[in-house]
Structures are given as C-alpha cells and as structure tokens.
Amino acid sequence: LFDLPVLPKGSETPYSLNVDKKRGIVW
C-alpha cells in the first residue's frame, strides 16, 4: 500500500488509475 501525497492525510478518494508501462509510472 502507498499513501497518496496529499494533506490532510487520507483526504483523497482516488477513483481510477492507469499504468504507463513504458516509463514505469502509475498515474
């Protein structure tokens, strides 16, 4: 598990994500 970098901690509700497989980044 990885916390999103927001303050206050726990205040975000991430709906979705996608993976840039070529660059190894999760957006």
mmCIF file of all heavy atoms, coordinates in Angstrom:
data_MODEL
# 
_entry.id   MODEL 
# 
loop_
_atom_site.group_PDB 
_atom_site.id 
_atom_site.type_symbol 
_atom_site.label_atom_id 
_atom_site.label_alt_id 
_atom_site.label_comp_id 
_atom_site.label_asym_id 
_atom_site.label_entity_id 
_atom_site.label_seq_id 
_atom_site.pdbx_PDB_ins_code 
_atom_site.Cartn_x 
_atom_site.Cartn_y 
_atom_site.Cartn_z 
_atom_site.occupancy 
_atom_site.B_iso_or_equiv 
_atom_site.pdbx_formal_charge 
_atom_site.auth_seq_id 
_atom_site.auth_comp_id 
_atom_site.auth_asym_id 
_atom_site.auth_atom_id 
_atom_site.pdbx_PDB_model_num 
ATOM 1   N N   . LEU A 1 1  ? 0.826   -1.197 0.000   1.00 0.00 ? 1  LEU A N   1 
ATOM 2   C CA  . LEU A 1 1  ? 0.000   0.000  0.000   1.00 0.00 ? 1  LEU A CA  1 
ATOM 3   C C   . LEU A 1 1  ? 0.866   1.255  0.000   1.00 0.00 ? 1  LEU A C   1 
ATOM 4   O O   . LEU A 1 1  ? 1.904   1.300  0.668   1.00 0.00 ? 1  LEU A O   1 
ATOM 5   C CB  . LEU A 1 1  ? -0.930  0.012  1.212   1.00 0.00 ? 1  LEU A CB  1 
ATOM 6   C CG  . LEU A 1 1  ? -2.052  -1.028 1.204   1.00 0.00 ? 1  LEU A CG  1 
ATOM 7   C CD1 . LEU A 1 1  ? -2.719  -1.106 2.563   1.00 0.00 ? 1  LEU A CD1 1 
ATOM 8   C CD2 . LEU A 1 1  ? -3.080  -0.696 0.141   1.00 0.00 ? 1  LEU A CD2 1 
ATOM 9   N N   . PHE A 1 2  ? 0.416   2.273  -0.731  1.00 0.00 ? 2  PHE A N   1 
ATOM 10  C CA  . PHE A 1 2  ? 1.147   3.528  -0.835  1.00 0.00 ? 2  PHE A CA  1 
ATOM 11  C C   . PHE A 1 2  ? 0.162   4.685  -0.641  1.00 0.00 ? 2  PHE A C   1 
ATOM 12  O O   . PHE A 1 2  ? -0.844  4.771  -1.351  1.00 0.00 ? 2  PHE A O   1 
ATOM 13  C CB  . PHE A 1 2  ? 1.818   3.649  -2.203  1.00 0.00 ? 2  PHE A CB  1 
ATOM 14  C CG  . PHE A 1 2  ? 2.723   2.488  -2.532  1.00 0.00 ? 2  PHE A CG  1 
ATOM 15  C CD1 . PHE A 1 2  ? 2.230   1.382  -3.225  1.00 0.00 ? 2  PHE A CD1 1 
ATOM 16  C CD2 . PHE A 1 2  ? 4.055   2.494  -2.152  1.00 0.00 ? 2  PHE A CD2 1 
ATOM 17  C CE1 . PHE A 1 2  ? 3.049   0.304  -3.532  1.00 0.00 ? 2  PHE A CE1 1 
ATOM 18  C CE2 . PHE A 1 2  ? 4.890   1.415  -2.455  1.00 0.00 ? 2  PHE A CE2 1 
ATOM 19  C CZ  . PHE A 1 2  ? 4.385   0.324  -3.143  1.00 0.00 ? 2  PHE A CZ  1 
ATOM 20  N N   . ASP A 1 3  ? 0.470   5.571  0.301   1.00 0.00 ? 3  ASP A N   1 
ATOM 21  C CA  . ASP A 1 3  ? -0.375  6.735  0.555   1.00 0.00 ? 3  ASP A CA  1 
ATOM 22  C C   . ASP A 1 3  ? -0.218  7.757  -0.555  1.00 0.00 ? 3  ASP A C   1 
ATOM 23  O O   . ASP A 1 3  ? 0.907   8.037  -1.010  1.00 0.00 ? 3  ASP A O   1 
ATOM 24  C CB  . ASP A 1 3  ? -0.006  7.399  1.884   1.00 0.00 ? 3  ASP A CB  1 
ATOM 25  C CG  . ASP A 1 3  ? -0.427  6.572  3.086   1.00 0.00 ? 3  ASP A CG  1 
ATOM 26  O OD1 . ASP A 1 3  ? -1.617  6.249  3.194   1.00 0.00 ? 3  ASP A OD1 1 
ATOM 27  O OD2 . ASP A 1 3  ? 0.446   6.244  3.911   1.00 0.00 ? 3  ASP A OD2 1 
ATOM 28  N N   . LEU A 1 4  ? -1.334  8.357  -0.982  1.00 0.00 ? 4  LEU A N   1 
ATOM 29  C CA  . LEU A 1 4  ? -1.235  9.471  -1.917  1.00 0.00 ? 4  LEU A CA  1 
ATOM 30  C C   . LEU A 1 4  ? -0.616  10.677 -1.198  1.00 0.00 ? 4  LEU A C   1 
ATOM 31  O O   . LEU A 1 4  ? -0.839  10.880 -0.004  1.00 0.00 ? 4  LEU A O   1 
ATOM 32  C CB  . LEU A 1 4  ? -2.617  9.843  -2.469  1.00 0.00 ? 4  LEU A CB  1 
ATOM 33  C CG  . LEU A 1 4  ? -2.994  9.183  -3.792  1.00 0.00 ? 4  LEU A CG  1 
ATOM 34  C CD1 . LEU A 1 4  ? -3.189  7.697  -3.635  1.00 0.00 ? 4  LEU A CD1 1 
ATOM 35  C CD2 . LEU A 1 4  ? -4.236  9.820  -4.395  1.00 0.00 ? 4  LEU A CD2 1 
ATOM 36  N N   . PRO A 1 5  ? 0.127   11.515 -1.933  1.00 0.00 ? 5  PRO A N   1 
ATOM 37  C CA  . PRO A 1 5  ? 0.856   12.628 -1.303  1.00 0.00 ? 5  PRO A CA  1 
ATOM 38  C C   . PRO A 1 5  ? -0.026  13.848 -1.080  1.00 0.00 ? 5  PRO A C   1 
ATOM 39  O O   . PRO A 1 5  ? 0.254   14.947 -1.591  1.00 0.00 ? 5  PRO A O   1 
ATOM 40  C CB  . PRO A 1 5  ? 1.969   12.909 -2.309  1.00 0.00 ? 5  PRO A CB  1 
ATOM 41  C CG  . PRO A 1 5  ? 1.338   12.607 -3.632  1.00 0.00 ? 5  PRO A CG  1 
ATOM 42  C CD  . PRO A 1 5  ? 0.425   11.426 -3.383  1.00 0.00 ? 5  PRO A CD  1 
ATOM 43  N N   . VAL A 1 6  ? -1.087  13.678 -0.314  1.00 0.00 ? 6  VAL A N   1 
ATOM 44  C CA  . VAL A 1 6  ? -1.996  14.796 -0.048  1.00 0.00 ? 6  VAL A CA  1 
ATOM 45  C C   . VAL A 1 6  ? -2.059  15.069 1.445   1.00 0.00 ? 6  VAL A C   1 
ATOM 46  O O   . VAL A 1 6  ? -1.844  14.184 2.266   1.00 0.00 ? 6  VAL A O   1 
ATOM 47  C CB  . VAL A 1 6  ? -3.423  14.517 -0.578  1.00 0.00 ? 6  VAL A CB  1 
ATOM 48  C CG1 . VAL A 1 6  ? -3.446  14.409 -2.078  1.00 0.00 ? 6  VAL A CG1 1 
ATOM 49  C CG2 . VAL A 1 6  ? -3.998  13.261 0.059   1.00 0.00 ? 6  VAL A CG2 1 
ATOM 50  N N   . LEU A 1 7  ? -2.344  16.312 1.762   1.00 0.00 ? 7  LEU A N   1 
ATOM 51  C CA  . LEU A 1 7  ? -2.620  16.720 3.135   1.00 0.00 ? 7  LEU A CA  1 
ATOM 52  C C   . LEU A 1 7  ? -3.973  17.400 3.161   1.00 0.00 ? 7  LEU A C   1 
ATOM 53  O O   . LEU A 1 7  ? -4.298  18.174 2.256   1.00 0.00 ? 7  LEU A O   1 
ATOM 54  C CB  . LEU A 1 7  ? -1.528  17.680 3.637   1.00 0.00 ? 7  LEU A CB  1 
ATOM 55  C CG  . LEU A 1 7  ? -0.125  17.070 3.806   1.00 0.00 ? 7  LEU A CG  1 
ATOM 56  C CD1 . LEU A 1 7  ? 0.871   18.175 4.161   1.00 0.00 ? 7  LEU A CD1 1 
ATOM 57  C CD2 . LEU A 1 7  ? -0.127  15.990 4.869   1.00 0.00 ? 7  LEU A CD2 1 
ATOM 58  N N   . PRO A 1 8  ? -4.773  17.107 4.198   1.00 0.00 ? 8  PRO A N   1 
ATOM 59  C CA  . PRO A 1 8  ? -4.559  16.155 5.281   1.00 0.00 ? 8  PRO A CA  1 
ATOM 60  C C   . PRO A 1 8  ? -4.479  14.713 4.757   1.00 0.00 ? 8  PRO A C   1 
ATOM 61  O O   . PRO A 1 8  ? -5.108  14.372 3.749   1.00 0.00 ? 8  PRO A O   1 
ATOM 62  C CB  . PRO A 1 8  ? -5.781  16.340 6.167   1.00 0.00 ? 8  PRO A CB  1 
ATOM 63  C CG  . PRO A 1 8  ? -6.328  17.682 5.816   1.00 0.00 ? 8  PRO A CG  1 
ATOM 64  C CD  . PRO A 1 8  ? -6.038  17.857 4.364   1.00 0.00 ? 8  PRO A CD  1 
ATOM 65  N N   . LYS A 1 9  ? -3.709  13.906 5.451   1.00 0.00 ? 9  LYS A N   1 
ATOM 66  C CA  . LYS A 1 9  ? -3.549  12.518 5.070   1.00 0.00 ? 9  LYS A CA  1 
ATOM 67  C C   . LYS A 1 9  ? -4.910  11.819 5.084   1.00 0.00 ? 9  LYS A C   1 
ATOM 68  O O   . LYS A 1 9  ? -5.699  11.997 6.002   1.00 0.00 ? 9  LYS A O   1 
ATOM 69  C CB  . LYS A 1 9  ? -2.594  11.820 6.040   1.00 0.00 ? 9  LYS A CB  1 
ATOM 70  C CG  . LYS A 1 9  ? -2.240  10.401 5.631   1.00 0.00 ? 9  LYS A CG  1 
ATOM 71  C CD  . LYS A 1 9  ? -1.226  9.796  6.590   1.00 0.00 ? 9  LYS A CD  1 
ATOM 72  C CE  . LYS A 1 9  ? -0.882  8.367  6.176   1.00 0.00 ? 9  LYS A CE  1 
ATOM 73  N NZ  . LYS A 1 9  ? 0.134   7.773  7.089   1.00 0.00 ? 9  LYS A NZ  1 
ATOM 74  N N   . GLY A 1 10 ? -5.161  11.038 4.047   1.00 0.00 ? 10 GLY A N   1 
ATOM 75  C CA  . GLY A 1 10 ? -6.416  10.298 3.975   1.00 0.00 ? 10 GLY A CA  1 
ATOM 76  C C   . GLY A 1 10 ? -7.575  11.064 3.392   1.00 0.00 ? 10 GLY A C   1 
ATOM 77  O O   . GLY A 1 10 ? -8.708  10.566 3.391   1.00 0.00 ? 10 GLY A O   1 
ATOM 78  N N   . SER A 1 11 ? -7.343  12.258 2.844   1.00 0.00 ? 11 SER A N   1 
ATOM 79  C CA  . SER A 1 11 ? -8.448  13.122 2.399   1.00 0.00 ? 11 SER A CA  1 
ATOM 80  C C   . SER A 1 11 ? -8.758  12.994 0.912   1.00 0.00 ? 11 SER A C   1 
ATOM 81  O O   . SER A 1 11 ? -9.618  13.706 0.402   1.00 0.00 ? 11 SER A O   1 
ATOM 82  C CB  . SER A 1 11 ? -8.134  14.584 2.716   1.00 0.00 ? 11 SER A CB  1 
ATOM 83  O OG  . SER A 1 11 ? -6.951  15.013 2.046   1.00 0.00 ? 11 SER A OG  1 
ATOM 84  N N   . GLU A 1 12 ? -8.081  12.099 0.213   1.00 0.00 ? 12 GLU A N   1 
ATOM 85  C CA  . GLU A 1 12 ? -8.322  11.920 -1.216  1.00 0.00 ? 12 GLU A CA  1 
ATOM 86  C C   . GLU A 1 12 ? -9.143  10.652 -1.465  1.00 0.00 ? 12 GLU A C   1 
ATOM 87  O O   . GLU A 1 12 ? -9.133  9.718  -0.651  1.00 0.00 ? 12 GLU A O   1 
ATOM 88  C CB  . GLU A 1 12 ? -6.972  11.848 -1.949  1.00 0.00 ? 12 GLU A CB  1 
ATOM 89  C CG  . GLU A 1 12 ? -7.026  11.805 -3.467  1.00 0.00 ? 12 GLU A CG  1 
ATOM 90  C CD  . GLU A 1 12 ? -7.849  12.913 -4.071  1.00 0.00 ? 12 GLU A CD  1 
ATOM 91  O OE1 . GLU A 1 12 ? -9.083  12.720 -4.196  1.00 0.00 ? 12 GLU A OE1 1 
ATOM 92  O OE2 . GLU A 1 12 ? -7.288  13.955 -4.441  1.00 0.00 ? 12 GLU A OE2 1 
ATOM 93  N N   . THR A 1 13 ? -9.887  10.634 -2.556  1.00 0.00 ? 13 THR A N   1 
ATOM 94  C CA  . THR A 1 13 ? -10.681 9.466  -2.945  1.00 0.00 ? 13 THR A CA  1 
ATOM 95  C C   . THR A 1 13 ? -10.333 9.094  -4.381  1.00 0.00 ? 13 THR A C   1 
ATOM 96  O O   . THR A 1 13 ? -11.087 9.405  -5.312  1.00 0.00 ? 13 THR A O   1 
ATOM 97  C CB  . THR A 1 13 ? -12.194 9.738  -2.813  1.00 0.00 ? 13 THR A CB  1 
ATOM 98  O OG1 . THR A 1 13 ? -12.521 10.891 -3.614  1.00 0.00 ? 13 THR A OG1 1 
ATOM 99  C CG2 . THR A 1 13 ? -12.585 10.000 -1.370  1.00 0.00 ? 13 THR A CG2 1 
ATOM 100 N N   . PRO A 1 14 ? -9.208  8.422  -4.608  1.00 0.00 ? 14 PRO A N   1 
ATOM 101 C CA  . PRO A 1 14 ? -8.786  8.107  -5.980  1.00 0.00 ? 14 PRO A CA  1 
ATOM 102 C C   . PRO A 1 14 ? -9.761  7.155  -6.665  1.00 0.00 ? 14 PRO A C   1 
ATOM 103 O O   . PRO A 1 14 ? -9.997  6.054  -6.188  1.00 0.00 ? 14 PRO A O   1 
ATOM 104 C CB  . PRO A 1 14 ? -7.411  7.467  -5.784  1.00 0.00 ? 14 PRO A CB  1 
ATOM 105 C CG  . PRO A 1 14 ? -7.449  6.905  -4.394  1.00 0.00 ? 14 PRO A CG  1 
ATOM 106 C CD  . PRO A 1 14 ? -8.295  7.868  -3.601  1.00 0.00 ? 14 PRO A CD  1 
ATOM 107 N N   . TYR A 1 15 ? -10.299 7.601  -7.771  1.00 0.00 ? 15 TYR A N   1 
ATOM 108 C CA  . TYR A 1 15 ? -11.339 6.853  -8.490  1.00 0.00 ? 15 TYR A CA  1 
ATOM 109 C C   . TYR A 1 15 ? -10.730 5.768  -9.378  1.00 0.00 ? 15 TYR A C   1 
ATOM 110 O O   . TYR A 1 15 ? -11.257 4.674  -9.486  1.00 0.00 ? 15 TYR A O   1 
ATOM 111 C CB  . TYR A 1 15 ? -12.135 7.844  -9.339  1.00 0.00 ? 15 TYR A CB  1 
ATOM 112 C CG  . TYR A 1 15 ? -13.409 7.342  -9.963  1.00 0.00 ? 15 TYR A CG  1 
ATOM 113 C CD1 . TYR A 1 15 ? -14.648 7.707  -9.434  1.00 0.00 ? 15 TYR A CD1 1 
ATOM 114 C CD2 . TYR A 1 15 ? -13.401 6.557  -11.102 1.00 0.00 ? 15 TYR A CD2 1 
ATOM 115 C CE1 . TYR A 1 15 ? -15.833 7.273  -10.025 1.00 0.00 ? 15 TYR A CE1 1 
ATOM 116 C CE2 . TYR A 1 15 ? -14.571 6.121  -11.695 1.00 0.00 ? 15 TYR A CE2 1 
ATOM 117 C CZ  . TYR A 1 15 ? -15.795 6.487  -11.152 1.00 0.00 ? 15 TYR A CZ  1 
ATOM 118 O OH  . TYR A 1 15 ? -16.959 6.059  -11.734 1.00 0.00 ? 15 TYR A OH  1 
ATOM 119 N N   . SER A 1 16 ? -9.629  6.122  -10.030 1.00 0.00 ? 16 SER A N   1 
ATOM 120 C CA  . SER A 1 16 ? -9.061  5.219  -11.024 1.00 0.00 ? 16 SER A CA  1 
ATOM 121 C C   . SER A 1 16 ? -7.575  5.500  -11.167 1.00 0.00 ? 16 SER A C   1 
ATOM 122 O O   . SER A 1 16 ? -7.027  6.429  -10.564 1.00 0.00 ? 16 SER A O   1 
ATOM 123 C CB  . SER A 1 16 ? -9.785  5.403  -12.361 1.00 0.00 ? 16 SER A CB  1 
ATOM 124 O OG  . SER A 1 16 ? -9.366  4.430  -13.309 1.00 0.00 ? 16 SER A OG  1 
ATOM 125 N N   . LEU A 1 17 ? -6.933  4.691  -11.994 1.00 0.00 ? 17 LEU A N   1 
ATOM 126 C CA  . LEU A 1 17 ? -5.523  4.880  -12.316 1.00 0.00 ? 17 LEU A CA  1 
ATOM 127 C C   . LEU A 1 17 ? -5.230  4.203  -13.641 1.00 0.00 ? 17 LEU A C   1 
ATOM 128 O O   . LEU A 1 17 ? -6.037  3.444  -14.161 1.00 0.00 ? 17 LEU A O   1 
ATOM 129 C CB  . LEU A 1 17 ? -4.616  4.335  -11.189 1.00 0.00 ? 17 LEU A CB  1 
ATOM 130 C CG  . LEU A 1 17 ? -4.817  2.908  -10.694 1.00 0.00 ? 17 LEU A CG  1 
ATOM 131 C CD1 . LEU A 1 17 ? -4.314  1.842  -11.668 1.00 0.00 ? 17 LEU A CD1 1 
ATOM 132 C CD2 . LEU A 1 17 ? -4.119  2.708  -9.357  1.00 0.00 ? 17 LEU A CD2 1 
ATOM 133 N N   . ASN A 1 18 ? -4.066  4.496  -14.176 1.00 0.00 ? 18 ASN A N   1 
ATOM 134 C CA  . ASN A 1 18 ? -3.567  3.784  -15.345 1.00 0.00 ? 18 ASN A CA  1 
ATOM 135 C C   . ASN A 1 18 ? -2.055  3.699  -15.230 1.00 0.00 ? 18 ASN A C   1 
ATOM 136 O O   . ASN A 1 18 ? -1.442  4.499  -14.515 1.00 0.00 ? 18 ASN A O   1 
ATOM 137 C CB  . ASN A 1 18 ? -3.979  4.479  -16.648 1.00 0.00 ? 18 ASN A CB  1 
ATOM 138 C CG  . ASN A 1 18 ? -3.995  3.527  -17.834 1.00 0.00 ? 18 ASN A CG  1 
ATOM 139 O OD1 . ASN A 1 18 ? -3.507  2.396  -17.769 1.00 0.00 ? 18 ASN A OD1 1 
ATOM 140 N ND2 . ASN A 1 18 ? -4.555  3.978  -18.954 1.00 0.00 ? 18 ASN A ND2 1 
ATOM 141 N N   . VAL A 1 19 ? -1.473  2.737  -15.935 1.00 0.00 ? 19 VAL A N   1 
ATOM 142 C CA  . VAL A 1 19 ? -0.042  2.494  -15.827 1.00 0.00 ? 19 VAL A CA  1 
ATOM 143 C C   . VAL A 1 19 ? 0.633   2.821  -17.157 1.00 0.00 ? 19 VAL A C   1 
ATOM 144 O O   . VAL A 1 19 ? 0.267   2.280  -18.201 1.00 0.00 ? 19 VAL A O   1 
ATOM 145 C CB  . VAL A 1 19 ? 0.251   1.035  -15.441 1.00 0.00 ? 19 VAL A CB  1 
ATOM 146 C CG1 . VAL A 1 19 ? 1.759   0.827  -15.291 1.00 0.00 ? 19 VAL A CG1 1 
ATOM 147 C CG2 . VAL A 1 19 ? -0.461  0.657  -14.149 1.00 0.00 ? 19 VAL A CG2 1 
ATOM 148 N N   . ASP A 1 20 ? 1.606   3.731  -17.080 1.00 0.00 ? 20 ASP A N   1 
ATOM 149 C CA  . ASP A 1 20 ? 2.479   3.986  -18.223 1.00 0.00 ? 20 ASP A CA  1 
ATOM 150 C C   . ASP A 1 20 ? 3.538   2.886  -18.193 1.00 0.00 ? 20 ASP A C   1 
ATOM 151 O O   . ASP A 1 20 ? 4.551   2.979  -17.502 1.00 0.00 ? 20 ASP A O   1 
ATOM 152 C CB  . ASP A 1 20 ? 3.115   5.373  -18.092 1.00 0.00 ? 20 ASP A CB  1 
ATOM 153 C CG  . ASP A 1 20 ? 3.954   5.762  -19.299 1.00 0.00 ? 20 ASP A CG  1 
ATOM 154 O OD1 . ASP A 1 20 ? 4.372   4.847  -20.044 1.00 0.00 ? 20 ASP A OD1 1 
ATOM 155 O OD2 . ASP A 1 20 ? 4.212   6.968  -19.488 1.00 0.00 ? 20 ASP A OD2 1 
ATOM 156 N N   . LYS A 1 21 ? 3.277   1.819  -18.930 1.00 0.00 ? 21 LYS A N   1 
ATOM 157 C CA  . LYS A 1 21 ? 4.148   0.640  -18.874 1.00 0.00 ? 21 LYS A CA  1 
ATOM 158 C C   . LYS A 1 21 ? 5.542   0.945  -19.406 1.00 0.00 ? 21 LYS A C   1 
ATOM 159 O O   . LYS A 1 21 ? 6.539   0.370  -18.946 1.00 0.00 ? 21 LYS A O   1 
ATOM 160 C CB  . LYS A 1 21 ? 3.509   -0.508 -19.658 1.00 0.00 ? 21 LYS A CB  1 
ATOM 161 C CG  . LYS A 1 21 ? 2.177   -1.000 -19.096 1.00 0.00 ? 21 LYS A CG  1 
ATOM 162 C CD  . LYS A 1 21 ? 1.632   -2.144 -19.927 1.00 0.00 ? 21 LYS A CD  1 
ATOM 163 C CE  . LYS A 1 21 ? 0.335   -2.705 -19.348 1.00 0.00 ? 21 LYS A CE  1 
ATOM 164 N NZ  . LYS A 1 21 ? -0.774  -1.730 -19.480 1.00 0.00 ? 21 LYS A NZ  1 
ATOM 165 N N   . LYS A 1 22 ? 5.638   1.826  -20.374 1.00 0.00 ? 22 LYS A N   1 
ATOM 166 C CA  . LYS A 1 22 ? 6.927   2.153  -20.984 1.00 0.00 ? 22 LYS A CA  1 
ATOM 167 C C   . LYS A 1 22 ? 7.845   2.879  -20.011 1.00 0.00 ? 22 LYS A C   1 
ATOM 168 O O   . LYS A 1 22 ? 9.051   2.633  -19.982 1.00 0.00 ? 22 LYS A O   1 
ATOM 169 C CB  . LYS A 1 22 ? 6.689   3.001  -22.240 1.00 0.00 ? 22 LYS A CB  1 
ATOM 170 C CG  . LYS A 1 22 ? 7.927   3.366  -23.012 1.00 0.00 ? 22 LYS A CG  1 
ATOM 171 C CD  . LYS A 1 22 ? 7.557   4.141  -24.271 1.00 0.00 ? 22 LYS A CD  1 
ATOM 172 C CE  . LYS A 1 22 ? 8.779   4.525  -25.089 1.00 0.00 ? 22 LYS A CE  1 
ATOM 173 N NZ  . LYS A 1 22 ? 8.393   5.293  -26.315 1.00 0.00 ? 22 LYS A NZ  1 
ATOM 174 N N   . ARG A 1 23 ? 7.280   3.761  -19.193 1.00 0.00 ? 23 ARG A N   1 
ATOM 175 C CA  . ARG A 1 23 ? 8.081   4.587  -18.284 1.00 0.00 ? 23 ARG A CA  1 
ATOM 176 C C   . ARG A 1 23 ? 7.985   4.154  -16.833 1.00 0.00 ? 23 ARG A C   1 
ATOM 177 O O   . ARG A 1 23 ? 8.658   4.718  -15.978 1.00 0.00 ? 23 ARG A O   1 
ATOM 178 C CB  . ARG A 1 23 ? 7.648   6.061  -18.429 1.00 0.00 ? 23 ARG A CB  1 
ATOM 179 C CG  . ARG A 1 23 ? 7.920   6.613  -19.813 1.00 0.00 ? 23 ARG A CG  1 
ATOM 180 C CD  . ARG A 1 23 ? 7.164   7.888  -20.100 1.00 0.00 ? 23 ARG A CD  1 
ATOM 181 N NE  . ARG A 1 23 ? 7.356   8.277  -21.494 1.00 0.00 ? 23 ARG A NE  1 
ATOM 182 C CZ  . ARG A 1 23 ? 6.675   7.768  -22.511 1.00 0.00 ? 23 ARG A CZ  1 
ATOM 183 N NH1 . ARG A 1 23 ? 5.728   6.880  -22.295 1.00 0.00 ? 23 ARG A NH1 1 
ATOM 184 N NH2 . ARG A 1 23 ? 6.925   8.149  -23.741 1.00 0.00 ? 23 ARG A NH2 1 
ATOM 185 N N   . GLY A 1 24 ? 7.121   3.179  -16.556 1.00 0.00 ? 24 GLY A N   1 
ATOM 186 C CA  . GLY A 1 24 ? 7.012   2.674  -15.198 1.00 0.00 ? 24 GLY A CA  1 
ATOM 187 C C   . GLY A 1 24 ? 6.395   3.654  -14.225 1.00 0.00 ? 24 GLY A C   1 
ATOM 188 O O   . GLY A 1 24 ? 6.869   3.791  -13.089 1.00 0.00 ? 24 GLY A O   1 
ATOM 189 N N   . ILE A 1 25 ? 5.338   4.337  -14.662 1.00 0.00 ? 25 ILE A N   1 
ATOM 190 C CA  . ILE A 1 25 ? 4.662   5.315  -13.806 1.00 0.00 ? 25 ILE A CA  1 
ATOM 191 C C   . ILE A 1 25 ? 3.189   4.944  -13.690 1.00 0.00 ? 25 ILE A C   1 
ATOM 192 O O   . ILE A 1 25 ? 2.531   4.651  -14.696 1.00 0.00 ? 25 ILE A O   1 
ATOM 193 C CB  . ILE A 1 25 ? 4.785   6.749  -14.358 1.00 0.00 ? 25 ILE A CB  1 
ATOM 194 C CG1 . ILE A 1 25 ? 6.256   7.151  -14.484 1.00 0.00 ? 25 ILE A CG1 1 
ATOM 195 C CG2 . ILE A 1 25 ? 4.062   7.738  -13.458 1.00 0.00 ? 25 ILE A CG2 1 
ATOM 196 C CD1 . ILE A 1 25 ? 6.453   8.514  -15.102 1.00 0.00 ? 25 ILE A CD1 1 
ATOM 197 N N   . VAL A 1 26 ? 2.676   4.960  -12.473 1.00 0.00 ? 26 VAL A N   1 
ATOM 198 C CA  . VAL A 1 26 ? 1.251   4.781  -12.227 1.00 0.00 ? 26 VAL A CA  1 
ATOM 199 C C   . VAL A 1 26 ? 0.635   6.164  -12.083 1.00 0.00 ? 26 VAL A C   1 
ATOM 200 O O   . VAL A 1 26 ? 1.015   6.923  -11.178 1.00 0.00 ? 26 VAL A O   1 
ATOM 201 C CB  . VAL A 1 26 ? 0.991   3.955  -10.954 1.00 0.00 ? 26 VAL A CB  1 
ATOM 202 C CG1 . VAL A 1 26 ? -0.506  3.749  -10.744 1.00 0.00 ? 26 VAL A CG1 1 
ATOM 203 C CG2 . VAL A 1 26 ? 1.702   2.604  -11.035 1.00 0.00 ? 26 VAL A CG2 1 
ATOM 204 N N   . TRP A 1 27 ? -0.298  6.500  -12.961 1.00 0.00 ? 27 TRP A N   1 
ATOM 205 C CA  . TRP A 1 27 ? -0.976  7.797  -12.889 1.00 0.00 ? 27 TRP A CA  1 
ATOM 206 C C   . TRP A 1 27 ? -2.331  7.609  -12.233 1.00 0.00 ? 27 TRP A C   1 
ATOM 207 O O   . TRP A 1 27 ? -3.106  6.731  -12.605 1.00 0.00 ? 27 TRP A O   1 
ATOM 208 C CB  . TRP A 1 27 ? -1.127  8.406  -14.277 1.00 0.00 ? 27 TRP A CB  1 
ATOM 209 C CG  . TRP A 1 27 ? 0.182   8.896  -14.827 1.00 0.00 ? 27 TRP A CG  1 
ATOM 210 C CD1 . TRP A 1 27 ? 0.989   8.268  -15.722 1.00 0.00 ? 27 TRP A CD1 1 
ATOM 211 C CD2 . TRP A 1 27 ? 0.841   10.111 -14.474 1.00 0.00 ? 27 TRP A CD2 1 
ATOM 212 N NE1 . TRP A 1 27 ? 2.115   9.019  -15.955 1.00 0.00 ? 27 TRP A NE1 1 
ATOM 213 C CE2 . TRP A 1 27 ? 2.049   10.165 -15.207 1.00 0.00 ? 27 TRP A CE2 1 
ATOM 214 C CE3 . TRP A 1 27 ? 0.532   11.161 -13.615 1.00 0.00 ? 27 TRP A CE3 1 
ATOM 215 C CZ2 . TRP A 1 27 ? 2.955   11.230 -15.106 1.00 0.00 ? 27 TRP A CZ2 1 
ATOM 216 C CZ3 . TRP A 1 27 ? 1.424   12.233 -13.513 1.00 0.00 ? 27 TRP A CZ3 1 
ATOM 217 C CH2 . TRP A 1 27 ? 2.613   12.261 -14.250 1.00 0.00 ? 27 TRP A CH2 1 
# 
